[in-house]
Amino acid sequence: MTIHRIDFAQDLLGPIRTICGAVAQFAPRDRTADGRPCPPSEVDDWSSLIGFFESGAVGVWEGSTLMKGHNNGGVGYEWAEVNCSEGSAAYQLTDPNNIILSRDGRDLEKLPVPAEFLKAPGSPRDPSHGKPSTVFRYDLVYELTSAIIEERDAVPGFHDGALAQAVADSVLISFDQRRWVDIQADLG
């Protein structure tokens, strides 16, 4: 379920306060690539979420593993959009060096991500080399190894992942009970 985008949104806007959503599985995936039987997959094929952040912003997410027309070289569609009182912002993993913004009631427009935000602080990676939707992941490895060497918590860390998981769990409750769910994530 769109867990990476949930985490991304909370990194940008802070904690999600309440959420509703739905999930579905369309294909049983109970056979291996060569046709042998296997235990069926428990992974959702589609999810849709609407969430309110503590900051007052609203987030809308949709994700699917079966969007066959959106393979994009294995990257998928990966669109994240956040709307608030001052404007809207959208991000596409297929085009990570650009962001789509709107402010003050204007139409959305694609703008380049400022150079200082194209890589993690201190990362030796050159953002102009490699396929952008692939090489940005090197910064994740850089941050993790730096945190280990420096004996500090990585950013994002376990706490961030646990908060995103609390949101995902709340979506499943929302769908099962057909209602909005307040996020219960007291991680101290």
Foldseek 3Di string as FASTA:
>chain_A
DCLVLLLVVCVVQNAWFKKAKAFAADDQCQADPVGHGHHTDPDTQKMWMWTAGPNGKIWTDIDGPPPVVQCLVVLGFAKTKIAHPFWIKIATLQCRQWIWIDGDPDDTDIDGDPPVPLADPPDPDDSVDDRSSPVNCVRVVVQVVVCVVVVHAGVVHPLSSQSSVQVVVQNVVCHVVVHMDTRDRDPD
